[in-house]
């Protein structure tokens, strides 16, 4: 089974609705972009910024490649041997049941594909031909601090057919109870710049083939899942994003 076919399973009637509604949407995500010298910043979701702007972030599928044993990967630097444009992820977890106060002590698992669109721990099948079953790059777990922050050092994710660029996140409370599985979307202008101009860093596939609004996961709405990303190809990018859970 191809991974894009997997993603279609379970979406059935939803996809029909998305297909109709997406035809009326523009092809460029509604982000605000500013440039200062070589640094570009694209703004994303403001959800979680206050008690009055506090909606639980969209729940999404773990996808076909979830981390098999998350507790094994307690680490901030998740790169292993993967190369690409430098990338820092700053993810803040807030609690909708406490007026969007920071949630400390939460466990945050992240995973994403490499610059070629491949995941570790899987492969050798129709869903991913390259066999990476014996390695575990680009997977990690951190515990949020008193400000609800968990940070990771990584490389800018690539893309694969049928999906917009994304990061998977699974949030648990301090006791290990699952609170939310979600995904993080990228501003188009940033990802497009990487994919079309960072060939020297190994991004050779060209522009992504799927935009957020036409993605099987994000197509039903991604306002609360869109990250703020700033930086440049030469100096690296920093992702800043708040995820609101019900804890």
C-alpha atoms as a PDB file:
ATOM      1  CA  UNK A   1       0.000   0.000   0.000  1.00  0.00           C
ATOM      2  CA  UNK A   2       1.326   3.454  -0.924  1.00  0.00           C
ATOM      3  CA  UNK A   3       1.508   5.914   1.991  1.00  0.00           C
ATOM      4  CA  UNK A   4      -0.805   8.345   0.209  1.00  0.00           C
ATOM      5  CA  UNK A   5      -3.366   5.541  -0.018  1.00  0.00           C
ATOM      6  CA  UNK A   6      -3.008   4.950   3.723  1.00  0.00           C
ATOM      7  CA  UNK A   7      -3.728   8.596   4.401  1.00  0.00           C
ATOM      8  CA  UNK A   8      -6.889   8.410   2.347  1.00  0.00           C
ATOM      9  CA  UNK A   9      -8.201   5.499   4.399  1.00  0.00           C
ATOM     10  CA  UNK A  10     -10.335   6.713   7.290  1.00  0.00           C
ATOM     11  CA  UNK A  11     -11.020  10.044   5.613  1.00  0.00           C
ATOM     12  CA  UNK A  12     -13.770   8.663   3.307  1.00  0.00           C
ATOM     13  CA  UNK A  13     -16.601  11.130   3.357  1.00  0.00           C
ATOM     14  CA  UNK A  14     -14.377  13.879   4.735  1.00  0.00           C
ATOM     15  CA  UNK A  15     -12.288  13.880   1.583  1.00  0.00           C
ATOM     16  CA  UNK A  16     -15.353  14.449  -0.535  1.00  0.00           C
ATOM     17  CA  UNK A  17     -16.180  17.539   1.485  1.00  0.00           C
ATOM     18  CA  UNK A  18     -12.574  18.742   1.408  1.00  0.00           C
ATOM     19  CA  UNK A  19     -12.310  18.242  -2.343  1.00  0.00           C
ATOM     20  CA  UNK A  20     -15.318  20.481  -2.897  1.00  0.00           C
ATOM     21  CA  UNK A  21     -14.355  23.188  -0.436  1.00  0.00           C
ATOM     22  CA  UNK A  22     -10.684  23.306  -1.441  1.00  0.00           C
ATOM     23  CA  UNK A  23     -11.610  24.199  -5.005  1.00  0.00           C
ATOM     24  CA  UNK A  24     -12.758  27.548  -3.694  1.00  0.00           C
ATOM     25  CA  UNK A  25      -9.580  28.260  -1.752  1.00  0.00           C
ATOM     26  CA  UNK A  26      -6.512  30.122  -2.930  1.00  0.00           C
ATOM     27  CA  UNK A  27      -3.241  28.323  -3.484  1.00  0.00           C
ATOM     28  CA  UNK A  28      -1.166  30.373  -1.060  1.00  0.00           C
ATOM     29  CA  UNK A  29      -1.536  30.041   2.689  1.00  0.00           C
ATOM     30  CA  UNK A  30      -2.735  33.194   4.486  1.00  0.00           C
ATOM     31  CA  UNK A  31       0.478  33.999   6.310  1.00  0.00           C
ATOM     32  CA  UNK A  32       2.129  37.339   6.968  1.00  0.00           C
ATOM     33  CA  UNK A  33       5.748  37.550   5.889  1.00  0.00           C
ATOM     34  CA  UNK A  34       8.435  40.020   6.890  1.00  0.00           C
ATOM     35  CA  UNK A  35      12.046  40.196   5.802  1.00  0.00           C
ATOM     36  CA  UNK A  36      15.016  41.787   7.543  1.00  0.00           C
ATOM     37  CA  UNK A  37      18.163  41.353   5.543  1.00  0.00           C
ATOM     38  CA  UNK A  38      18.534  37.635   4.879  1.00  0.00           C
ATOM     39  CA  UNK A  39      16.050  36.643   7.599  1.00  0.00           C
ATOM     40  CA  UNK A  40      12.437  35.881   6.729  1.00  0.00           C
ATOM     41  CA  UNK A  41       9.629  35.384   9.223  1.00  0.00           C
ATOM     42  CA  UNK A  42       6.252  33.899   8.369  1.00  0.00           C
ATOM     43  CA  UNK A  43       3.607  34.209  11.053  1.00  0.00           C
ATOM     44  CA  UNK A  44       1.350  31.339  11.992  1.00  0.00           C
ATOM     45  CA  UNK A  45      -1.312  30.525  14.552  1.00  0.00           C
ATOM     46  CA  UNK A  46      -1.912  32.793  17.552  1.00  0.00           C
ATOM     47  CA  UNK A  47      -4.013  30.159  19.304  1.00  0.00           C
ATOM     48  CA  UNK A  48      -3.103  29.839  22.971  1.00  0.00           C
ATOM     49  CA  UNK A  49      -1.877  33.414  23.254  1.00  0.00           C
ATOM     50  CA  UNK A  50      -4.490  34.310  25.874  1.00  0.00           C
ATOM     51  CA  UNK A  51      -7.387  32.912  27.875  1.00  0.00           C
ATOM     52  CA  UNK A  52      -9.781  34.341  25.296  1.00  0.00           C
ATOM     53  CA  UNK A  53      -7.835  32.845  22.383  1.00  0.00           C
ATOM     54  CA  UNK A  54      -7.612  29.273  23.607  1.00  0.00           C
ATOM     55  CA  UNK A  55      -8.975  26.431  21.511  1.00  0.00           C
ATOM     56  CA  UNK A  56      -7.787  22.839  21.754  1.00  0.00           C
ATOM     57  CA  UNK A  57      -5.534  22.194  18.759  1.00  0.00           C
ATOM     58  CA  UNK A  58      -6.852  19.932  16.021  1.00  0.00           C
ATOM     59  CA  UNK A  59      -6.448  16.211  16.576  1.00  0.00           C
ATOM     60  CA  UNK A  60      -4.837  14.402  13.643  1.00  0.00           C
ATOM     61  CA  UNK A  61      -3.732  10.930  12.612  1.00  0.00           C
ATOM     62  CA  UNK A  62      -0.390   9.599  13.798  1.00  0.00           C
ATOM     63  CA  UNK A  63       0.140   8.596  10.196  1.00  0.00           C
ATOM     64  CA  UNK A  64       1.654   5.386   8.914  1.00  0.00           C
ATOM     65  CA  UNK A  65       5.030   5.913  10.644  1.00  0.00           C
ATOM     66  CA  UNK A  66       4.550   6.638  14.389  1.00  0.00           C
ATOM     67  CA  UNK A  67       7.461   6.180  16.778  1.00  0.00           C
ATOM     68  CA  UNK A  68       7.376   2.591  17.991  1.00  0.00           C
ATOM     69  CA  UNK A  69       8.912   3.102  21.472  1.00  0.00           C
ATOM     70  CA  UNK A  70       8.853   6.851  22.228  1.00  0.00           C
ATOM     71  CA  UNK A  71      10.356   6.524  25.711  1.00  0.00           C
ATOM     72  CA  UNK A  72      13.599   5.314  24.102  1.00  0.00           C
ATOM     73  CA  UNK A  73      14.202   8.659  22.432  1.00  0.00           C
ATOM     74  CA  UNK A  74      14.524  11.158  25.284  1.00  0.00           C
ATOM     75  CA  UNK A  75      16.783  13.624  23.496  1.00  0.00           C
ATOM     76  CA  UNK A  76      16.831  17.202  22.296  1.00  0.00           C
ATOM     77  CA  UNK A  77      19.048  16.672  19.246  1.00  0.00           C
ATOM     78  CA  UNK A  78      17.151  14.279  16.984  1.00  0.00           C
ATOM     79  CA  UNK A  79      19.300  14.558  13.853  1.00  0.00           C
ATOM     80  CA  UNK A  80      21.496  11.479  14.135  1.00  0.00           C
ATOM     81  CA  UNK A  81      23.172  11.261  10.710  1.00  0.00           C
ATOM     82  CA  UNK A  82      20.585  13.302   8.810  1.00  0.00           C
ATOM     83  CA  UNK A  83      21.844  16.398   7.007  1.00  0.00           C
ATOM     84  CA  UNK A  84      19.962  19.434   5.736  1.00  0.00           C
ATOM     85  CA  UNK A  85      19.151  23.027   6.590  1.00  0.00           C
ATOM     86  CA  UNK A  86      19.529  23.651  10.341  1.00  0.00           C
ATOM     87  CA  UNK A  87      16.210  23.667  12.146  1.00  0.00           C
ATOM     88  CA  UNK A  88      15.151  24.355  15.747  1.00  0.00           C
ATOM     89  CA  UNK A  89      11.673  23.490  17.021  1.00  0.00           C
ATOM     90  CA  UNK A  90      10.276  25.387  20.018  1.00  0.00           C
ATOM     91  CA  UNK A  91       6.929  23.870  20.943  1.00  0.00           C
ATOM     92  CA  UNK A  92       4.894  25.260  23.829  1.00  0.00           C
ATOM     93  CA  UNK A  93       2.104  23.242  25.424  1.00  0.00           C
ATOM     94  CA  UNK A  94      -0.806  25.056  27.104  1.00  0.00           C
ATOM     95  CA  UNK A  95      -3.823  23.803  29.001  1.00  0.00           C
ATOM     96  CA  UNK A  96      -7.274  24.853  27.790  1.00  0.00           C
ATOM     97  CA  UNK A  97      -8.718  23.816  31.169  1.00  0.00           C
ATOM     98  CA  UNK A  98      -6.543  26.356  32.983  1.00  0.00           C
ATOM     99  CA  UNK A  99      -7.178  29.484  30.886  1.00  0.00           C
ATOM    100  CA  UNK A 100      -4.331  28.507  28.575  1.00  0.00           C
ATOM    101  CA  UNK A 101      -1.699  28.432  31.308  1.00  0.00           C
ATOM    102  CA  UNK A 102       1.576  26.744  30.415  1.00  0.00           C
ATOM    103  CA  UNK A 103       1.549  22.998  31.016  1.00  0.00           C
ATOM    104  CA  UNK A 104       4.794  21.965  32.685  1.00  0.00           C
ATOM    105  CA  UNK A 105       5.939  18.362  32.936  1.00  0.00           C
ATOM    106  CA  UNK A 106       4.157  17.276  29.755  1.00  0.00           C
ATOM    107  CA  UNK A 107       5.840  14.709  27.528  1.00  0.00           C
ATOM    108  CA  UNK A 108       6.203  15.853  23.927  1.00  0.00           C
ATOM    109  CA  UNK A 109       7.065  13.337  21.209  1.00  0.00           C
ATOM    110  CA  UNK A 110       7.981  14.571  17.743  1.00  0.00           C
ATOM    111  CA  UNK A 111       8.868  12.836  14.506  1.00  0.00           C
ATOM    112  CA  UNK A 112       9.203  13.872  10.876  1.00  0.00           C
ATOM    113  CA  UNK A 113      10.716  12.772   7.573  1.00  0.00           C
ATOM    114  CA  UNK A 114      14.221  13.593   6.353  1.00  0.00           C
ATOM    115  CA  UNK A 115      15.012  15.929   3.466  1.00  0.00           C
ATOM    116  CA  UNK A 116      14.236  13.129   0.987  1.00  0.00           C
ATOM    117  CA  UNK A 117      10.801  12.434   2.485  1.00  0.00           C
ATOM    118  CA  UNK A 118      11.730   9.197   4.303  1.00  0.00           C
ATOM    119  CA  UNK A 119      10.997   8.120   7.887  1.00  0.00           C
ATOM    120  CA  UNK A 120      13.202   6.074  10.172  1.00  0.00           C
ATOM    121  CA  UNK A 121      12.011   2.787  11.736  1.00  0.00           C
ATOM    122  CA  UNK A 122      10.142   1.853   8.549  1.00  0.00           C
ATOM    123  CA  UNK A 123      10.720   1.003   4.912  1.00  0.00           C
ATOM    124  CA  UNK A 124      11.258  -1.743   2.396  1.00  0.00           C
ATOM    125  CA  UNK A 125       7.551  -1.752   1.487  1.00  0.00           C
ATOM    126  CA  UNK A 126       5.193  -0.063  -0.920  1.00  0.00           C
ATOM    127  CA  UNK A 127       4.598   2.708   1.585  1.00  0.00           C
ATOM    128  CA  UNK A 128       8.311   3.585   1.672  1.00  0.00           C
ATOM    129  CA  UNK A 129      10.715   1.803  -0.617  1.00  0.00           C
ATOM    130  CA  UNK A 130      13.923   2.875   1.153  1.00  0.00           C
ATOM    131  CA  UNK A 131      14.519   0.576   4.101  1.00  0.00           C
ATOM    132  CA  UNK A 132      15.238   2.483   7.314  1.00  0.00           C
ATOM    133  CA  UNK A 133      13.947  -0.118   9.763  1.00  0.00           C
ATOM    134  CA  UNK A 134      17.282  -0.335  11.610  1.00  0.00           C
ATOM    135  CA  UNK A 135      17.734   3.396  12.335  1.00  0.00           C
ATOM    136  CA  UNK A 136      15.782   5.990  14.320  1.00  0.00           C
ATOM    137  CA  UNK A 137      16.664   9.445  13.057  1.00  0.00           C
ATOM    138  CA  UNK A 138      14.393  12.487  13.504  1.00  0.00           C
ATOM    139  CA  UNK A 139      12.455  11.132  16.470  1.00  0.00           C
ATOM    140  CA  UNK A 140      12.612  12.521  19.978  1.00  0.00           C
ATOM    141  CA  UNK A 141      10.940  13.199  23.310  1.00  0.00           C
ATOM    142  CA  UNK A 142      11.293  16.121  25.685  1.00  0.00           C
ATOM    143  CA  UNK A 143       9.531  17.206  28.888  1.00  0.00           C
ATOM    144  CA  UNK A 144       8.106  20.710  28.991  1.00  0.00           C
ATOM    145  CA  UNK A 145       9.668  23.199  31.397  1.00  0.00           C
ATOM    146  CA  UNK A 146       7.857  25.632  33.691  1.00  0.00           C
ATOM    147  CA  UNK A 147       6.921  27.701  30.646  1.00  0.00           C
ATOM    148  CA  UNK A 148       5.435  24.702  28.873  1.00  0.00           C
ATOM    149  CA  UNK A 149       8.320  24.675  26.385  1.00  0.00           C
ATOM    150  CA  UNK A 150       9.957  21.679  24.727  1.00  0.00           C
ATOM    151  CA  UNK A 151      12.776  22.301  22.227  1.00  0.00           C
ATOM    152  CA  UNK A 152      14.395  20.098  19.609  1.00  0.00           C
ATOM    153  CA  UNK A 153      17.369  20.407  17.253  1.00  0.00           C
ATOM    154  CA  UNK A 154      16.693  18.934  13.833  1.00  0.00           C
ATOM    155  CA  UNK A 155      16.887  19.518  10.077  1.00  0.00           C
ATOM    156  CA  UNK A 156      14.209  21.184   7.960  1.00  0.00           C
ATOM    157  CA  UNK A 157      11.806  18.393   6.950  1.00  0.00           C
ATOM    158  CA  UNK A 158      11.407  17.391   3.334  1.00  0.00           C
ATOM    159  CA  UNK A 159       8.171  16.374   1.654  1.00  0.00           C
ATOM    160  CA  UNK A 160       6.695  13.350  -0.061  1.00  0.00           C
ATOM    161  CA  UNK A 161       3.950  12.901  -2.610  1.00  0.00           C
ATOM    162  CA  UNK A 162       0.417  13.688  -1.492  1.00  0.00           C
ATOM    163  CA  UNK A 163       1.332  15.511   1.734  1.00  0.00           C
ATOM    164  CA  UNK A 164       2.238  19.062   2.603  1.00  0.00           C
ATOM    165  CA  UNK A 165       5.359  19.450   4.805  1.00  0.00           C
ATOM    166  CA  UNK A 166       4.527  18.596   8.410  1.00  0.00           C
ATOM    167  CA  UNK A 167       5.726  17.483  11.838  1.00  0.00           C
ATOM    168  CA  UNK A 168       3.955  14.896  13.954  1.00  0.00           C
ATOM    169  CA  UNK A 169       3.454  15.621  17.664  1.00  0.00           C
ATOM    170  CA  UNK A 170       2.033  13.434  20.425  1.00  0.00           C
ATOM    171  CA  UNK A 171       1.512  15.086  23.819  1.00  0.00           C
ATOM    172  CA  UNK A 172       1.117  13.169  27.103  1.00  0.00           C
ATOM    173  CA  UNK A 173       0.695  14.388  30.661  1.00  0.00           C
ATOM    174  CA  UNK A 174       3.409  13.710  33.230  1.00  0.00           C
ATOM    175  CA  UNK A 175       1.789  10.353  34.083  1.00  0.00           C
ATOM    176  CA  UNK A 176       1.917   9.203  30.472  1.00  0.00           C
ATOM    177  CA  UNK A 177      -1.767   9.706  29.653  1.00  0.00           C
ATOM    178  CA  UNK A 178      -2.264  10.668  26.007  1.00  0.00           C
ATOM    179  CA  UNK A 179      -3.635  14.204  25.669  1.00  0.00           C
ATOM    180  CA  UNK A 180      -3.410  14.926  21.953  1.00  0.00           C
ATOM    181  CA  UNK A 181      -1.992  13.670  18.675  1.00  0.00           C
ATOM    182  CA  UNK A 182      -1.617  16.462  16.141  1.00  0.00           C
ATOM    183  CA  UNK A 183       0.518  17.752  13.288  1.00  0.00           C
ATOM    184  CA  UNK A 184       2.273  21.044  12.594  1.00  0.00           C
ATOM    185  CA  UNK A 185       1.926  22.748   9.215  1.00  0.00           C
ATOM    186  CA  UNK A 186       4.480  25.011   7.525  1.00  0.00           C
ATOM    187  CA  UNK A 187       4.061  28.439   5.901  1.00  0.00           C
ATOM    188  CA  UNK A 188       4.290  27.937   2.153  1.00  0.00           C
ATOM    189  CA  UNK A 189       6.780  30.732   1.448  1.00  0.00           C
ATOM    190  CA  UNK A 190       9.348  29.274   3.843  1.00  0.00           C
ATOM    191  CA  UNK A 191       9.071  25.661   2.716  1.00  0.00           C
ATOM    192  CA  UNK A 192       9.038  26.687  -0.942  1.00  0.00           C
ATOM    193  CA  UNK A 193      12.241  28.702  -0.462  1.00  0.00           C
ATOM    194  CA  UNK A 194      14.001  25.687   1.045  1.00  0.00           C
ATOM    195  CA  UNK A 195      12.796  23.193  -1.536  1.00  0.00           C
ATOM    196  CA  UNK A 196      13.577  25.357  -4.550  1.00  0.00           C
ATOM    197  CA  UNK A 197      16.842  27.073  -3.532  1.00  0.00           C
ATOM    198  CA  UNK A 198      18.622  24.814  -1.010  1.00  0.00           C
ATOM    199  CA  UNK A 199      19.960  22.248  -3.470  1.00  0.00           C
ATOM    200  CA  UNK A 200      23.446  22.561  -1.978  1.00  0.00           C
ATOM    201  CA  UNK A 201      21.982  21.244   1.297  1.00  0.00           C
ATOM    202  CA  UNK A 202      20.535  18.209  -0.458  1.00  0.00           C
ATOM    203  CA  UNK A 203      16.981  19.382  -1.161  1.00  0.00           C
ATOM    204  CA  UNK A 204      16.819  18.229  -4.766  1.00  0.00           C
ATOM    205  CA  UNK A 205      13.159  17.224  -5.228  1.00  0.00           C
ATOM    206  CA  UNK A 206      11.958  20.717  -6.054  1.00  0.00           C
ATOM    207  CA  UNK A 207       8.753  22.376  -4.905  1.00  0.00           C
ATOM    208  CA  UNK A 208       6.275  20.404  -2.798  1.00  0.00           C
ATOM    209  CA  UNK A 209       3.427  18.860  -4.785  1.00  0.00           C
ATOM    210  CA  UNK A 210       0.709  19.463  -2.168  1.00  0.00           C
ATOM    211  CA  UNK A 211      -0.298  22.685  -0.428  1.00  0.00           C
ATOM    212  CA  UNK A 212      -1.794  22.780   3.052  1.00  0.00           C
ATOM    213  CA  UNK A 213      -5.315  23.492   1.885  1.00  0.00           C
ATOM    214  CA  UNK A 214      -5.234  20.549  -0.521  1.00  0.00           C
ATOM    215  CA  UNK A 215      -3.648  18.150   1.948  1.00  0.00           C
ATOM    216  CA  UNK A 216      -5.673  15.128   3.162  1.00  0.00           C
ATOM    217  CA  UNK A 217      -4.900  16.022   6.791  1.00  0.00           C
ATOM    218  CA  UNK A 218      -4.867  19.828   6.773  1.00  0.00           C
ATOM    219  CA  UNK A 219      -7.500  20.302   4.080  1.00  0.00           C
ATOM    220  CA  UNK A 220     -10.326  20.548   6.617  1.00  0.00           C
ATOM    221  CA  UNK A 221      -8.647  23.501   8.332  1.00  0.00           C
ATOM    222  CA  UNK A 222      -5.163  24.126   9.682  1.00  0.00           C
ATOM    223  CA  UNK A 223      -5.382  27.592  11.255  1.00  0.00           C
ATOM    224  CA  UNK A 224      -4.434  26.267  14.704  1.00  0.00           C
ATOM    225  CA  UNK A 225      -1.721  24.018  13.283  1.00  0.00           C
ATOM    226  CA  UNK A 226       0.266  26.570  11.266  1.00  0.00           C
ATOM    227  CA  UNK A 227       3.665  27.342  12.788  1.00  0.00           C
ATOM    228  CA  UNK A 228       5.593  30.590  12.822  1.00  0.00           C
ATOM    229  CA  UNK A 229       8.938  30.013  11.114  1.00  0.00           C
ATOM    230  CA  UNK A 230      11.822  32.478  10.945  1.00  0.00           C
ATOM    231  CA  UNK A 231      15.387  32.439   9.677  1.00  0.00           C
ATOM    232  CA  UNK A 232      17.233  31.739   6.469  1.00  0.00           C
ATOM    233  CA  UNK A 233      18.753  28.839   4.591  1.00  0.00           C
ATOM    234  CA  UNK A 234      22.304  29.836   5.508  1.00  0.00           C
ATOM    235  CA  UNK A 235      21.694  30.499   9.208  1.00  0.00           C
ATOM    236  CA  UNK A 236      18.940  27.939   9.741  1.00  0.00           C
ATOM    237  CA  UNK A 237      15.284  28.230  10.665  1.00  0.00           C
ATOM    238  CA  UNK A 238      13.431  28.312  13.973  1.00  0.00           C
ATOM    239  CA  UNK A 239       9.883  27.023  14.311  1.00  0.00           C
ATOM    240  CA  UNK A 240       7.731  28.456  17.103  1.00  0.00           C
ATOM    241  CA  UNK A 241       4.371  26.902  17.800  1.00  0.00           C
ATOM    242  CA  UNK A 242       1.836  26.590  20.619  1.00  0.00           C
ATOM    243  CA  UNK A 243      -0.268  23.478  21.025  1.00  0.00           C
ATOM    244  CA  UNK A 244      -3.324  23.672  23.276  1.00  0.00           C
ATOM    245  CA  UNK A 245      -4.483  20.489  25.012  1.00  0.00           C
ATOM    246  CA  UNK A 246      -7.209  19.603  27.486  1.00  0.00           C
ATOM    247  CA  UNK A 247      -5.377  18.424  30.598  1.00  0.00           C
END
